[in-house]
Amino acid sequence: MGVATGTERITAHDGGGFTAFRALPEAGSGPGVLLFQEIFGVNDNMRGLAVRLAEAGYVVLVPDVFWRIEPGFERKDESGLADGMAMVQQLDFELVGHDMTSTLAHLLGMDACTGKVGAVGFCLGGSLTYLCVASARVDGRGVDAAVPYYGSGIHDMIGLAGSVTAPVMFHYGDRDPYIPSEQVEVVEKSFAGRANAVVHRYDAGHAFSNWDAPSMYDRPAAELAWSRTVAFFGEYLNS
């Protein structure tokens, strides 16, 4: 049968609702993963990553973060950078935090989700993943592991580090023009000494994992980071 894809409808905390792309593993059930989008929206790259996670055995939801501004916003590559940045400038992160919690509650309530839940995100989604692991709680329960990729907003939210108790793995490119090395060092220092936290650096730029953005994609870095991500989830979500 293979991976099955579709759409879930998530109820928002303040009324209305939004969609999330869904990918189910061949087994039909498994641990859950929340996947948070780049500024390009829930596009082919995000759907492809969701399928790859489902192929690894996870039940994946990719919520439409921009739904309050433009539902279904989607751009493919670097040509949509200005449009994506404009969307981010309109984003209300407090409301997004509520939407992440609603999506976590929905995932936990799905019959297909058998227990633990992880979070992973890229670019904007990297910052949202950090916010999610620090603050999203459903009846006191948060995500069980988190993997933020090159989240440029993490440095500004470093005060939340004390609220991050779940295992966390950060990925950064050393040649990222949007995230100076000094900001990565702040993250490294804030999580130093934690047995369940690790910061990986790569000889790559920003969005090195996005295969749909040729000027950004760095295949060796992307494949190494992905193998580490899957192994990390395997360790903390399948036990």
Foldseek 3Di string as FASTA:
>chain_A
DAKDKDKDWFAFPVGDTFIWIKIAAPVLAEAEEEEEEALQWCEPQVVVVRSVVNPLPYIYIYTGQLVVPPHPRGDQAPVCVVVSVVSVVVHDVVRSLRVLLRVVVVLVPDPRHDDAYEYEYFACSLLVQVVQQLDRADVRDGHQEYEREPHLCCLVVLVSLVSRPHQYEYEEECAEPSHHPVSVVSVCVSCPPPPRYYYDYHPAYGPCLRPSYVVGHDVVSNVVVVVVVSVSCCVGRVD
